Amino acid sequence: NAPKLEGIYGRPVPIQEGDRIRFVKADDRYIRDSILLPKSQVVAGFEPVMPSFEGQISEADLLKIIEYIKSNGPKEVGR
């Protein structure tokens, strides 16, 4: 199980830090870190199970993933 990515870009994301939750903005840096260093900022309510892709993905492909997530906004009902 993983948090939904649809419409996440630019929104606050709850991050679990011990007994407290803080919010970070889902921006380019957050998405990059989530792919390369997924255990550094785990979304509250989820287990840190995603593997790191550091050293396994090219910068070009990483940028494509970030752009895809940015373009994957919320779907409008009835359109």
C-alpha atoms as a PDB file:
ATOM      1  CA  ASN A   1       0.000   0.000   0.000  1.00  0.00           C
ATOM      2  CA  ALA A   2       1.151   3.482  -0.847  1.00  0.00           C
ATOM      3  CA  PRO A   3      -0.248   6.996  -0.680  1.00  0.00           C
ATOM      4  CA  LYS A   4      -2.119   8.176  -3.771  1.00  0.00           C
ATOM      5  CA  LEU A   5      -0.079  10.381  -6.077  1.00  0.00           C
ATOM      6  CA  GLU A   6      -2.967  11.901  -7.997  1.00  0.00           C
ATOM      7  CA  GLY A   7      -3.097  15.605  -7.215  1.00  0.00           C
ATOM      8  CA  ILE A   8      -0.265  15.415  -4.677  1.00  0.00           C
ATOM      9  CA  TYR A   9       2.035  17.972  -6.286  1.00  0.00           C
ATOM     10  CA  GLY A  10       2.069  21.281  -4.425  1.00  0.00           C
ATOM     11  CA  ARG A  11      -0.015  19.973  -1.527  1.00  0.00           C
ATOM     12  CA  PRO A  12       0.996  19.358   2.082  1.00  0.00           C
ATOM     13  CA  VAL A  13       2.002  15.800   2.929  1.00  0.00           C
ATOM     14  CA  PRO A  14       1.853  14.488   6.536  1.00  0.00           C
ATOM     15  CA  ILE A  15       5.215  13.028   7.557  1.00  0.00           C
ATOM     16  CA  GLN A  16       5.510  10.802  10.620  1.00  0.00           C
ATOM     17  CA  GLU A  17       8.404  11.696  12.909  1.00  0.00           C
ATOM     18  CA  GLY A  18       8.239   9.496  15.976  1.00  0.00           C
ATOM     19  CA  ASP A  19       5.123  10.470  17.908  1.00  0.00           C
ATOM     20  CA  ARG A  20       4.477  13.659  15.962  1.00  0.00           C
ATOM     21  CA  ILE A  21       3.415  14.564  12.445  1.00  0.00           C
ATOM     22  CA  ARG A  22       4.798  17.458  10.445  1.00  0.00           C
ATOM     23  CA  PHE A  23       3.771  18.612   7.001  1.00  0.00           C
ATOM     24  CA  VAL A  24       6.009  19.125   3.986  1.00  0.00           C
ATOM     25  CA  LYS A  25       5.082  20.465   0.569  1.00  0.00           C
ATOM     26  CA  ALA A  26       5.057  17.887  -2.228  1.00  0.00           C
ATOM     27  CA  ASP A  27       7.410  19.748  -4.550  1.00  0.00           C
ATOM     28  CA  ASP A  28      10.183  18.621  -6.914  1.00  0.00           C
ATOM     29  CA  ARG A  29      12.614  18.076  -4.039  1.00  0.00           C
ATOM     30  CA  TYR A  30      10.127  16.025  -2.000  1.00  0.00           C
ATOM     31  CA  ILE A  31       9.339  13.786  -4.987  1.00  0.00           C
ATOM     32  CA  ARG A  32      13.049  13.363  -5.800  1.00  0.00           C
ATOM     33  CA  ASP A  33      13.821  12.425  -2.192  1.00  0.00           C
ATOM     34  CA  SER A  34      10.839  10.061  -2.093  1.00  0.00           C
ATOM     35  CA  ILE A  35      12.293   8.164  -5.050  1.00  0.00           C
ATOM     36  CA  LEU A  36      15.964   8.240  -4.092  1.00  0.00           C
ATOM     37  CA  LEU A  37      15.707   8.275  -0.275  1.00  0.00           C
ATOM     38  CA  PRO A  38      12.208   6.944   0.472  1.00  0.00           C
ATOM     39  CA  LYS A  39      12.816   6.242   4.150  1.00  0.00           C
ATOM     40  CA  SER A  40      13.827   9.858   4.862  1.00  0.00           C
ATOM     41  CA  GLN A  41      10.245  11.204   4.860  1.00  0.00           C
ATOM     42  CA  VAL A  42       7.630   8.497   5.381  1.00  0.00           C
ATOM     43  CA  VAL A  43       3.999   9.526   4.923  1.00  0.00           C
ATOM     44  CA  ALA A  44       2.025   9.170   8.151  1.00  0.00           C
ATOM     45  CA  GLY A  45       0.042   5.934   8.280  1.00  0.00           C
ATOM     46  CA  PHE A  46       2.292   4.031   5.870  1.00  0.00           C
ATOM     47  CA  GLU A  47       5.168   1.634   6.420  1.00  0.00           C
ATOM     48  CA  PRO A  48       8.574   2.503   4.894  1.00  0.00           C
ATOM     49  CA  VAL A  49       8.587  -0.350   2.369  1.00  0.00           C
ATOM     50  CA  MET A  50       9.577   1.415  -0.875  1.00  0.00           C
ATOM     51  CA  PRO A  51      13.115   0.556  -1.970  1.00  0.00           C
ATOM     52  CA  SER A  52      15.591   3.272  -2.848  1.00  0.00           C
ATOM     53  CA  PHE A  53      16.227   3.909  -6.530  1.00  0.00           C
ATOM     54  CA  GLU A  54      19.431   5.840  -5.840  1.00  0.00           C
ATOM     55  CA  GLY A  55      22.060   4.793  -8.391  1.00  0.00           C
ATOM     56  CA  GLN A  56      19.467   2.803 -10.360  1.00  0.00           C
ATOM     57  CA  ILE A  57      17.690   5.550 -12.279  1.00  0.00           C
ATOM     58  CA  SER A  58      19.108   8.155 -14.617  1.00  0.00           C
ATOM     59  CA  GLU A  59      18.636  11.856 -13.949  1.00  0.00           C
ATOM     60  CA  ALA A  60      16.627  12.124 -17.182  1.00  0.00           C
ATOM     61  CA  ASP A  61      14.237   9.368 -16.086  1.00  0.00           C
ATOM     62  CA  LEU A  62      13.947  10.868 -12.610  1.00  0.00           C
ATOM     63  CA  LEU A  63      12.932  14.202 -14.138  1.00  0.00           C
ATOM     64  CA  LYS A  64      10.347  12.435 -16.319  1.00  0.00           C
ATOM     65  CA  ILE A  65       8.794  10.801 -13.243  1.00  0.00           C
ATOM     66  CA  ILE A  66       8.663  14.144 -11.445  1.00  0.00           C
ATOM     67  CA  GLU A  67       7.002  15.776 -14.463  1.00  0.00           C
ATOM     68  CA  TYR A  68       4.488  12.938 -14.683  1.00  0.00           C
ATOM     69  CA  ILE A  69       3.520  13.322 -11.028  1.00  0.00           C
ATOM     70  CA  LYS A  70       3.233  17.097 -11.493  1.00  0.00           C
ATOM     71  CA  SER A  71       0.901  16.577 -14.460  1.00  0.00           C
ATOM     72  CA  ASN A  72      -1.208  13.969 -12.665  1.00  0.00           C
ATOM     73  CA  GLY A  73      -3.574  16.420 -10.993  1.00  0.00           C
ATOM     74  CA  PRO A  74      -6.939  15.585  -9.512  1.00  0.00           C
ATOM     75  CA  LYS A  75      -9.521  14.364 -11.979  1.00  0.00           C
ATOM     76  CA  GLU A  76     -12.638  16.466 -12.357  1.00  0.00           C
ATOM     77  CA  VAL A  77     -15.898  14.584 -11.875  1.00  0.00           C
ATOM     78  CA  GLY A  78     -18.293  14.783 -14.812  1.00  0.00           C
ATOM     79  CA  ARG A  79     -15.745  15.836 -17.427  1.00  0.00           C
END
